[in-house]
Amino acid sequence: MRPTHRRLAATAAGLVLLPLALVGCGLTGGDDEPAAKPERAPAEEAATRSRERVQAYLDAMTAKDVAAGRSQLCALLHDGFDLAATGPNGDFADHFEVPEAAITDVRSGPRGQEVSVSVSITAGKRKTTRPLLFTVTRDGGDWCIAGEAPGGAPAAGATPTGAVPSPAA
């Protein structure tokens, strides 16, 4: 019977020490600090970052700041941007003025966040308003514009993250 008492004593000692070991490992609720909460939900952060990137690009267009516009684009687009940005139909062409540009919608799409924009352009005495659709995605740890296309309607099946007014609005 002696071995049974030893097993019983060892089991009792283990049960007494187990909670102390678990507290030391952080496996019980004995933390003094509350768990860190994320600042935003992933969808909200994606919409916010996308809006910020596109707004910075629109501000660069308005100011004719080619370097600031380029910095909003993903690295893969830099060479094409350098060739076309100030060309006859480029976003930063000298004969275009951009008196007004506003973000009209931000949605989650198949290739990233889709940001719909309305841009007013003047060339001489002519004024026109054009819809554009920017695609914004993550490149490594940063957000960048991965595409720009005419038209402001997000792709079919895009999930709305809510219409997001421009900070200038």
N, C-alpha and C. Protein backbone atom coordinates (compact mmCIF):
# COMPACT_ATOMS: atom_id res chain seq x y z
N MET A 1 0.80 -1.20 0.00
CA MET A 1 0.00 0.00 0.00
C MET A 1 0.84 1.26 0.00
N ARG A 2 2.01 1.11 0.38
CA ARG A 2 2.89 2.26 0.43
C ARG A 2 3.03 2.95 -0.93
N PRO A 3 3.21 2.20 -2.04
CA PRO A 3 3.32 2.85 -3.34
C PRO A 3 2.06 3.63 -3.70
N THR A 4 0.90 3.21 -3.27
CA THR A 4 -0.34 3.91 -3.58
C THR A 4 -0.37 5.27 -2.89
N HIS A 5 0.11 5.33 -1.65
CA HIS A 5 0.15 6.61 -0.95
C HIS A 5 1.13 7.56 -1.63
N ARG A 6 2.23 7.02 -2.12
CA ARG A 6 3.21 7.87 -2.82
C ARG A 6 2.59 8.43 -4.10
N ARG A 7 1.89 7.58 -4.84
CA ARG A 7 1.24 8.07 -6.06
C ARG A 7 0.18 9.10 -5.73
N LEU A 8 -0.56 8.87 -4.71
CA LEU A 8 -1.58 9.81 -4.29
C LEU A 8 -0.97 11.13 -3.84
N ALA A 9 0.12 11.06 -3.11
CA ALA A 9 0.79 12.27 -2.66
C ALA A 9 1.40 13.03 -3.84
N ALA A 10 1.98 12.31 -4.81
CA ALA A 10 2.56 12.96 -5.99
C ALA A 10 1.47 13.61 -6.84
N THR A 11 0.35 12.93 -6.98
CA THR A 11 -0.77 13.49 -7.74
C THR A 11 -1.30 14.74 -7.05
N ALA A 12 -1.46 14.69 -5.75
CA ALA A 12 -1.96 15.85 -4.99
C ALA A 12 -0.99 17.02 -5.13
N ALA A 13 0.31 16.75 -5.04
CA ALA A 13 1.31 17.82 -5.18
C ALA A 13 1.26 18.41 -6.58
N GLY A 14 1.09 17.54 -7.60
CA GLY A 14 0.99 18.02 -8.98
C GLY A 14 -0.23 18.90 -9.18
N LEU A 15 -1.34 18.50 -8.58
CA LEU A 15 -2.55 19.30 -8.71
C LEU A 15 -2.43 20.65 -8.00
N VAL A 16 -1.67 20.69 -6.93
CA VAL A 16 -1.46 21.94 -6.21
C VAL A 16 -0.54 22.86 -7.03
N LEU A 17 0.47 22.31 -7.67
CA LEU A 17 1.44 23.10 -8.41
C LEU A 17 0.96 23.46 -9.82
N LEU A 18 0.05 22.69 -10.39
CA LEU A 18 -0.43 22.93 -11.76
C LEU A 18 -0.98 24.35 -11.96
N PRO A 19 -1.88 24.85 -11.11
CA PRO A 19 -2.38 26.21 -11.32
C PRO A 19 -1.27 27.26 -11.28
N LEU A 20 -0.28 27.08 -10.42
CA LEU A 20 0.83 28.03 -10.37
C LEU A 20 1.63 28.01 -11.66
N ALA A 21 1.84 26.82 -12.21
CA ALA A 21 2.57 26.70 -13.47
C ALA A 21 1.78 27.34 -14.61
N LEU A 22 0.47 27.12 -14.63
CA LEU A 22 -0.36 27.70 -15.68
C LEU A 22 -0.40 29.22 -15.61
N VAL A 23 -0.42 29.79 -14.43
CA VAL A 23 -0.39 31.24 -14.28
C VAL A 23 0.93 31.78 -14.81
N GLY A 24 2.00 31.09 -14.52
CA GLY A 24 3.32 31.52 -15.01
C GLY A 24 3.42 31.47 -16.51
N CYS A 25 2.72 30.56 -17.15
CA CYS A 25 2.74 30.42 -18.61
C CYS A 25 1.72 31.33 -19.29
N GLY A 26 0.88 31.95 -18.50
CA GLY A 26 -0.14 32.83 -19.08
C GLY A 26 -1.34 32.08 -19.62
N LEU A 27 -1.54 30.85 -19.21
CA LEU A 27 -2.66 30.07 -19.73
C LEU A 27 -3.94 30.27 -18.96
N THR A 28 -3.89 30.96 -17.86
CA THR A 28 -5.12 31.24 -17.12
C THR A 28 -5.43 32.72 -17.23
N GLY A 29 -6.55 33.14 -16.73
CA GLY A 29 -6.97 34.53 -16.84
C GLY A 29 -6.31 35.43 -15.83
N GLY A 30 -5.15 35.09 -15.31
CA GLY A 30 -4.52 35.89 -14.28
C GLY A 30 -3.66 37.03 -14.80
N ASP A 31 -3.83 37.45 -16.05
CA ASP A 31 -3.03 38.55 -16.60
C ASP A 31 -3.40 39.86 -15.93
N ASP A 32 -2.38 40.65 -15.64
CA ASP A 32 -2.63 41.97 -15.07
C ASP A 32 -3.02 42.97 -16.16
N GLU A 33 -2.53 42.74 -17.40
CA GLU A 33 -2.79 43.66 -18.50
C GLU A 33 -3.92 43.10 -19.36
N PRO A 34 -4.83 43.96 -19.78
CA PRO A 34 -5.89 43.47 -20.67
C PRO A 34 -5.29 43.14 -22.04
N ALA A 35 -5.94 42.23 -22.74
CA ALA A 35 -5.47 41.86 -24.07
C ALA A 35 -5.56 43.07 -24.98
N ALA A 36 -4.56 43.21 -25.85
CA ALA A 36 -4.54 44.34 -26.78
C ALA A 36 -5.67 44.16 -27.80
N LYS A 37 -6.44 45.20 -28.01
CA LYS A 37 -7.53 45.15 -28.96
C LYS A 37 -7.05 45.80 -30.25
N PRO A 38 -7.42 45.24 -31.39
CA PRO A 38 -7.05 45.90 -32.64
C PRO A 38 -7.77 47.24 -32.73
N GLU A 39 -7.09 48.22 -33.32
CA GLU A 39 -7.69 49.55 -33.41
C GLU A 39 -8.91 49.54 -34.33
N ARG A 40 -8.82 48.77 -35.41
CA ARG A 40 -9.91 48.72 -36.37
C ARG A 40 -10.06 47.31 -36.90
N ALA A 41 -11.24 47.03 -37.40
CA ALA A 41 -11.47 45.76 -38.08
C ALA A 41 -10.68 45.78 -39.39
N PRO A 42 -10.26 44.64 -39.89
CA PRO A 42 -9.47 44.61 -41.14
C PRO A 42 -10.17 45.30 -42.31
N ALA A 43 -11.46 45.11 -42.47
CA ALA A 43 -12.18 45.75 -43.59
C ALA A 43 -12.19 47.26 -43.44
N GLU A 44 -12.37 47.73 -42.21
CA GLU A 44 -12.38 49.18 -41.97
C GLU A 44 -10.99 49.77 -42.22
N GLU A 45 -9.96 49.06 -41.78
CA GLU A 45 -8.60 49.55 -42.01
C GLU A 45 -8.29 49.58 -43.50
N ALA A 46 -8.70 48.56 -44.25
CA ALA A 46 -8.46 48.52 -45.69
C ALA A 46 -9.14 49.69 -46.38
N ALA A 47 -10.38 49.97 -46.02
CA ALA A 47 -11.11 51.09 -46.62
C ALA A 47 -10.45 52.41 -46.29
N THR A 48 -10.02 52.57 -45.05
CA THR A 48 -9.37 53.81 -44.62
C THR A 48 -8.05 54.02 -45.34
N ARG A 49 -7.21 52.99 -45.37
CA ARG A 49 -5.90 53.10 -46.04
C ARG A 49 -6.06 53.36 -47.53
N SER A 50 -7.03 52.70 -48.15
CA SER A 50 -7.27 52.90 -49.58
C SER A 50 -7.71 54.33 -49.86
N ARG A 51 -8.63 54.81 -49.04
CA ARG A 51 -9.10 56.19 -49.20
C ARG A 51 -7.95 57.18 -49.04
N GLU A 52 -7.08 56.94 -48.05
CA GLU A 52 -5.94 57.84 -47.82
C GLU A 52 -5.00 57.86 -49.02
N ARG A 53 -4.70 56.69 -49.58
CA ARG A 53 -3.79 56.62 -50.74
C ARG A 53 -4.36 57.35 -51.94
N VAL A 54 -5.63 57.08 -52.23
CA VAL A 54 -6.25 57.73 -53.40
C VAL A 54 -6.39 59.22 -53.18
N GLN A 55 -6.74 59.65 -51.98
CA GLN A 55 -6.86 61.08 -51.71
C GLN A 55 -5.50 61.77 -51.88
N ALA A 56 -4.44 61.13 -51.43
CA ALA A 56 -3.10 61.70 -51.60
C ALA A 56 -2.75 61.80 -53.09
N TYR A 57 -3.15 60.81 -53.88
CA TYR A 57 -2.91 60.86 -55.33
C TYR A 57 -3.70 62.00 -55.96
N LEU A 58 -4.97 62.15 -55.57
CA LEU A 58 -5.80 63.23 -56.10
C LEU A 58 -5.23 64.60 -55.73
N ASP A 59 -4.76 64.72 -54.50
CA ASP A 59 -4.13 65.97 -54.07
C ASP A 59 -2.88 66.25 -54.89
N ALA A 60 -2.11 65.22 -55.20
CA ALA A 60 -0.91 65.38 -56.02
C ALA A 60 -1.28 65.80 -57.44
N MET A 61 -2.37 65.24 -57.99
CA MET A 61 -2.83 65.64 -59.32
C MET A 61 -3.20 67.12 -59.34
N THR A 62 -3.94 67.52 -58.33
CA THR A 62 -4.37 68.92 -58.25
C THR A 62 -3.18 69.86 -58.15
N ALA A 63 -2.16 69.47 -57.39
CA ALA A 63 -0.97 70.30 -57.18
C ALA A 63 0.08 70.10 -58.27
N LYS A 64 -0.16 69.17 -59.19
CA LYS A 64 0.82 68.84 -60.25
C LYS A 64 2.14 68.38 -59.63
N ASP A 65 2.07 67.65 -58.54
CA ASP A 65 3.25 67.13 -57.85
C ASP A 65 3.45 65.68 -58.28
N VAL A 66 4.24 65.49 -59.35
CA VAL A 66 4.44 64.18 -59.94
C VAL A 66 5.07 63.21 -58.93
N ALA A 67 6.06 63.66 -58.18
CA ALA A 67 6.74 62.79 -57.22
C ALA A 67 5.77 62.30 -56.14
N ALA A 68 4.90 63.16 -55.66
CA ALA A 68 3.92 62.77 -54.64
C ALA A 68 2.92 61.77 -55.22
N GLY A 69 2.53 61.96 -56.47
CA GLY A 69 1.62 61.03 -57.12
C GLY A 69 2.28 59.67 -57.30
N ARG A 70 3.51 59.68 -57.74
CA ARG A 70 4.26 58.43 -57.96
C ARG A 70 4.40 57.64 -56.67
N SER A 71 4.59 58.33 -55.57
CA SER A 71 4.82 57.66 -54.29
C SER A 71 3.58 56.92 -53.78
N GLN A 72 2.42 57.18 -54.36
CA GLN A 72 1.20 56.49 -53.94
C GLN A 72 0.99 55.18 -54.69
N LEU A 73 1.78 54.98 -55.75
CA LEU A 73 1.61 53.81 -56.61
C LEU A 73 2.47 52.64 -56.15
N CYS A 74 2.03 51.43 -56.46
CA CYS A 74 2.83 50.24 -56.20
C CYS A 74 4.08 50.30 -57.10
N ALA A 75 5.15 49.72 -56.64
CA ALA A 75 6.43 49.77 -57.34
C ALA A 75 6.34 49.28 -58.78
N LEU A 76 5.50 48.29 -59.05
CA LEU A 76 5.37 47.77 -60.41
C LEU A 76 4.84 48.79 -61.40
N LEU A 77 4.17 49.82 -60.93
CA LEU A 77 3.59 50.83 -61.81
C LEU A 77 4.52 52.02 -62.05
N HIS A 78 5.61 52.12 -61.33
CA HIS A 78 6.46 53.31 -61.41
C HIS A 78 7.00 53.58 -62.82
N ASP A 79 7.50 52.56 -63.51
CA ASP A 79 8.07 52.80 -64.84
C ASP A 79 7.02 53.31 -65.82
N GLY A 80 5.85 52.69 -65.85
CA GLY A 80 4.77 53.15 -66.72
C GLY A 80 4.30 54.55 -66.36
N PHE A 81 4.24 54.81 -65.07
CA PHE A 81 3.85 56.14 -64.60
C PHE A 81 4.85 57.19 -65.08
N ASP A 82 6.14 56.88 -64.94
CA ASP A 82 7.18 57.83 -65.35
C ASP A 82 7.07 58.16 -66.83
N LEU A 83 6.68 57.20 -67.65
CA LEU A 83 6.55 57.42 -69.08
C LEU A 83 5.29 58.20 -69.46
N ALA A 84 4.20 58.01 -68.71
CA ALA A 84 2.91 58.56 -69.13
C ALA A 84 2.38 59.71 -68.30
N ALA A 85 2.85 59.91 -67.10
CA ALA A 85 2.22 60.87 -66.18
C ALA A 85 2.12 62.28 -66.74
N THR A 86 3.15 62.75 -67.38
CA THR A 86 3.13 64.13 -67.90
C THR A 86 2.93 64.16 -69.41
N GLY A 87 2.63 63.00 -70.01
CA GLY A 87 2.36 62.93 -71.45
C GLY A 87 1.04 63.60 -71.78
N PRO A 88 0.67 63.61 -73.06
CA PRO A 88 -0.53 64.32 -73.51
C PRO A 88 -1.82 63.90 -72.80
N ASN A 89 -1.93 62.64 -72.41
CA ASN A 89 -3.14 62.18 -71.73
C ASN A 89 -2.87 61.75 -70.30
N GLY A 90 -1.73 62.10 -69.75
CA GLY A 90 -1.36 61.70 -68.40
C GLY A 90 -2.09 62.51 -67.34
N ASP A 91 -2.18 61.93 -66.16
CA ASP A 91 -2.87 62.59 -65.05
C ASP A 91 -2.21 63.91 -64.66
N PHE A 92 -0.93 64.07 -64.97
CA PHE A 92 -0.19 65.26 -64.56
C PHE A 92 0.22 66.13 -65.76
N ALA A 93 -0.47 65.97 -66.88
CA ALA A 93 -0.17 66.75 -68.09
C ALA A 93 -0.34 68.24 -67.80
N ASP A 94 0.56 69.05 -68.37
CA ASP A 94 0.55 70.49 -68.12
C ASP A 94 -0.72 71.18 -68.59
N HIS A 95 -1.33 70.72 -69.66
CA HIS A 95 -2.51 71.40 -70.19
C HIS A 95 -3.80 71.04 -69.46
N PHE A 96 -3.76 70.11 -68.50
CA PHE A 96 -4.93 69.77 -67.68
C PHE A 96 -4.85 70.49 -66.35
N GLU A 97 -5.99 70.94 -65.88
CA GLU A 97 -6.13 71.44 -64.51
C GLU A 97 -7.17 70.55 -63.83
N VAL A 98 -6.98 70.31 -62.56
CA VAL A 98 -7.92 69.50 -61.79
C VAL A 98 -8.47 70.37 -60.66
N PRO A 99 -9.56 71.11 -60.95
CA PRO A 99 -10.11 71.99 -59.92
C PRO A 99 -10.85 71.24 -58.80
N GLU A 100 -11.31 70.01 -59.11
CA GLU A 100 -12.08 69.29 -58.10
C GLU A 100 -11.94 67.78 -58.32
N ALA A 101 -11.76 67.06 -57.23
CA ALA A 101 -11.70 65.60 -57.28
C ALA A 101 -12.25 65.09 -55.95
N ALA A 102 -13.14 64.11 -56.04
CA ALA A 102 -13.77 63.60 -54.81
C ALA A 102 -13.92 62.09 -54.87
N ILE A 103 -13.68 61.45 -53.76
CA ILE A 103 -13.92 60.02 -53.62
C ILE A 103 -15.42 59.83 -53.41
N THR A 104 -16.02 58.94 -54.20
CA THR A 104 -17.45 58.73 -54.10
C THR A 104 -17.82 57.40 -53.46
N ASP A 105 -16.91 56.41 -53.48
CA ASP A 105 -17.24 55.11 -52.90
C ASP A 105 -15.96 54.31 -52.69
N VAL A 106 -15.97 53.45 -51.68
CA VAL A 106 -14.87 52.52 -51.43
C VAL A 106 -15.50 51.16 -51.20
N ARG A 107 -15.05 50.17 -51.97
CA ARG A 107 -15.58 48.81 -51.86
C ARG A 107 -14.46 47.79 -51.93
N SER A 108 -14.73 46.66 -51.34
CA SER A 108 -13.80 45.53 -51.43
C SER A 108 -14.08 44.83 -52.75
N GLY A 109 -13.03 44.64 -53.56
CA GLY A 109 -13.19 44.00 -54.86
C GLY A 109 -12.32 42.77 -54.99
N PRO A 110 -12.33 42.14 -56.16
CA PRO A 110 -11.58 40.90 -56.34
C PRO A 110 -10.06 41.06 -56.28
N ARG A 111 -9.55 42.25 -56.57
CA ARG A 111 -8.10 42.48 -56.56
C ARG A 111 -7.64 43.41 -55.45
N GLY A 112 -8.54 43.80 -54.58
CA GLY A 112 -8.21 44.73 -53.50
C GLY A 112 -9.36 45.69 -53.28
N GLN A 113 -9.06 46.81 -52.68
CA GLN A 113 -10.09 47.82 -52.46
C GLN A 113 -10.30 48.61 -53.75
N GLU A 114 -11.54 48.85 -54.11
CA GLU A 114 -11.87 49.63 -55.29
C GLU A 114 -12.42 50.98 -54.84
N VAL A 115 -11.75 52.03 -55.27
CA VAL A 115 -12.09 53.38 -54.85
C VAL A 115 -12.61 54.14 -56.07
N SER A 116 -13.89 54.50 -56.03
CA SER A 116 -14.51 55.26 -57.11
C SER A 116 -14.28 56.74 -56.86
N VAL A 117 -13.97 57.46 -57.94
CA VAL A 117 -13.61 58.87 -57.84
C VAL A 117 -14.30 59.65 -58.95
N SER A 118 -14.66 60.87 -58.66
CA SER A 118 -15.17 61.80 -59.67
C SER A 118 -14.15 62.93 -59.78
N VAL A 119 -13.60 63.12 -60.98
CA VAL A 119 -12.56 64.12 -61.19
C VAL A 119 -13.04 65.14 -62.21
N SER A 120 -13.00 66.42 -61.85
CA SER A 120 -13.30 67.49 -62.80
C SER A 120 -12.00 67.95 -63.41
N ILE A 121 -12.00 68.05 -64.75
CA ILE A 121 -10.78 68.41 -65.48
C ILE A 121 -11.11 69.58 -66.39
N THR A 122 -10.22 70.54 -66.43
CA THR A 122 -10.35 71.64 -67.38
C THR A 122 -9.11 71.65 -68.27
N ALA A 123 -9.37 71.89 -69.54
CA ALA A 123 -8.30 72.04 -70.53
C ALA A 123 -8.70 73.25 -71.37
N GLY A 124 -8.03 74.36 -71.12
CA GLY A 124 -8.44 75.60 -71.78
C GLY A 124 -9.79 76.03 -71.25
N LYS A 125 -10.77 76.19 -72.16
CA LYS A 125 -12.11 76.60 -71.74
C LYS A 125 -13.03 75.41 -71.54
N ARG A 126 -12.57 74.24 -71.89
CA ARG A 126 -13.41 73.04 -71.76
C ARG A 126 -13.29 72.46 -70.36
N LYS A 127 -14.44 72.05 -69.83
CA LYS A 127 -14.48 71.42 -68.51
C LYS A 127 -15.29 70.14 -68.63
N THR A 128 -14.80 69.09 -68.01
CA THR A 128 -15.51 67.82 -68.01
C THR A 128 -15.28 67.12 -66.68
N THR A 129 -16.20 66.26 -66.35
CA THR A 129 -16.07 65.46 -65.13
C THR A 129 -16.01 64.00 -65.55
N ARG A 130 -15.01 63.31 -65.05
CA ARG A 130 -14.80 61.91 -65.41
C ARG A 130 -14.77 61.02 -64.17
N PRO A 131 -15.42 59.87 -64.26
CA PRO A 131 -15.30 58.89 -63.18
C PRO A 131 -14.04 58.04 -63.38
N LEU A 132 -13.35 57.76 -62.31
CA LEU A 132 -12.18 56.89 -62.33
C LEU A 132 -12.36 55.82 -61.26
N LEU A 133 -11.73 54.69 -61.48
CA LEU A 133 -11.76 53.61 -60.50
C LEU A 133 -10.32 53.22 -60.20
N PHE A 134 -9.92 53.41 -58.95
CA PHE A 134 -8.59 53.03 -58.49
C PHE A 134 -8.69 51.71 -57.75
N THR A 135 -7.71 50.86 -57.95
CA THR A 135 -7.60 49.62 -57.19
C THR A 135 -6.42 49.80 -56.24
N VAL A 136 -6.67 49.59 -54.97
CA VAL A 136 -5.63 49.75 -53.94
C VAL A 136 -5.44 48.40 -53.25
N THR A 137 -4.20 48.05 -53.04
CA THR A 137 -3.89 46.76 -52.42
C THR A 137 -2.70 46.90 -51.49
N ARG A 138 -2.40 45.84 -50.78
CA ARG A 138 -1.22 45.81 -49.92
C ARG A 138 -0.06 45.27 -50.72
N ASP A 139 1.07 45.93 -50.61
CA ASP A 139 2.31 45.48 -51.23
C ASP A 139 3.31 45.35 -50.09
N GLY A 140 3.50 44.14 -49.62
CA GLY A 140 4.30 43.96 -48.41
C GLY A 140 3.50 44.47 -47.24
N GLY A 141 4.07 45.36 -46.46
CA GLY A 141 3.38 45.90 -45.30
C GLY A 141 2.71 47.22 -45.55
N ASP A 142 2.72 47.71 -46.79
CA ASP A 142 2.19 49.04 -47.08
C ASP A 142 1.07 48.95 -48.11
N TRP A 143 0.23 49.96 -48.13
CA TRP A 143 -0.86 50.06 -49.08
C TRP A 143 -0.39 50.90 -50.26
N CYS A 144 -0.84 50.55 -51.47
CA CYS A 144 -0.47 51.33 -52.66
C CYS A 144 -1.54 51.18 -53.73
N ILE A 145 -1.55 52.11 -54.66
CA ILE A 145 -2.48 52.06 -55.78
C ILE A 145 -1.91 51.07 -56.80
N ALA A 146 -2.71 50.06 -57.14
CA ALA A 146 -2.27 49.01 -58.05
C ALA A 146 -2.87 49.18 -59.44
N GLY A 147 -3.82 50.09 -59.59
CA GLY A 147 -4.43 50.28 -60.89
C GLY A 147 -5.34 51.49 -60.92
N GLU A 148 -5.50 52.04 -62.13
CA GLU A 148 -6.41 53.16 -62.38
C GLU A 148 -7.09 52.88 -63.70
N ALA A 149 -8.41 53.02 -63.74
CA ALA A 149 -9.15 52.76 -64.96
C ALA A 149 -10.29 53.76 -65.10
N PRO A 150 -10.68 54.06 -66.33
CA PRO A 150 -11.84 54.93 -66.51
C PRO A 150 -13.08 54.25 -65.96
N GLY A 151 -14.03 55.04 -65.53
CA GLY A 151 -15.27 54.50 -64.98
C GLY A 151 -15.20 54.46 -63.48
N GLY A 152 -16.31 54.67 -62.85
CA GLY A 152 -16.30 54.72 -61.39
C GLY A 152 -17.09 53.63 -60.73
N ALA A 153 -17.62 52.69 -61.53
CA ALA A 153 -18.43 51.63 -60.93
C ALA A 153 -17.55 50.47 -60.52
N PRO A 154 -17.63 50.06 -59.26
CA PRO A 154 -16.86 48.89 -58.83
C PRO A 154 -17.30 47.64 -59.59
N ALA A 155 -16.46 46.65 -59.61
CA ALA A 155 -16.75 45.40 -60.30
C ALA A 155 -17.98 44.74 -59.72
N ALA A 156 -18.69 44.01 -60.57
CA ALA A 156 -19.86 43.27 -60.10
C ALA A 156 -19.42 42.29 -59.03
N GLY A 157 -20.19 42.19 -58.00
CA GLY A 157 -19.85 41.29 -56.91
C GLY A 157 -18.97 41.94 -55.85
N ALA A 158 -18.61 43.20 -56.02
CA ALA A 158 -17.80 43.88 -55.02
C ALA A 158 -18.62 44.06 -53.75
N THR A 159 -17.97 43.94 -52.64
CA THR A 159 -18.64 44.06 -51.35
C THR A 159 -18.50 45.49 -50.85
N PRO A 160 -19.61 46.20 -50.63
CA PRO A 160 -19.50 47.58 -50.18
C PRO A 160 -18.96 47.67 -48.76
N THR A 161 -18.05 48.61 -48.56
CA THR A 161 -17.59 48.91 -47.21
C THR A 161 -18.17 50.25 -46.79
N GLY A 162 -19.11 50.73 -47.59
CA GLY A 162 -19.79 51.98 -47.27
C GLY A 162 -19.24 53.12 -48.09
N ALA A 163 -20.12 53.98 -48.50
CA ALA A 163 -19.68 55.18 -49.20
C ALA A 163 -18.87 56.01 -48.22
N VAL A 164 -17.74 56.44 -48.68
CA VAL A 164 -16.83 57.16 -47.80
C VAL A 164 -16.62 58.55 -48.36
N PRO A 165 -17.07 59.58 -47.67
CA PRO A 165 -16.87 60.92 -48.18
C PRO A 165 -15.40 61.30 -48.16
N SER A 166 -15.03 62.11 -49.11
CA SER A 166 -13.66 62.60 -49.18
C SER A 166 -13.40 63.51 -47.97
N PRO A 167 -12.16 63.52 -47.45
CA PRO A 167 -11.86 64.42 -46.35
C PRO A 167 -12.08 65.88 -46.72
N ALA A 168 -12.01 66.20 -48.02
CA ALA A 168 -12.22 67.58 -48.44
C ALA A 168 -13.69 67.93 -48.47
N ALA A 169 -14.56 66.92 -48.48
CA ALA A 169 -16.01 67.16 -48.56
C ALA A 169 -16.57 67.63 -47.25
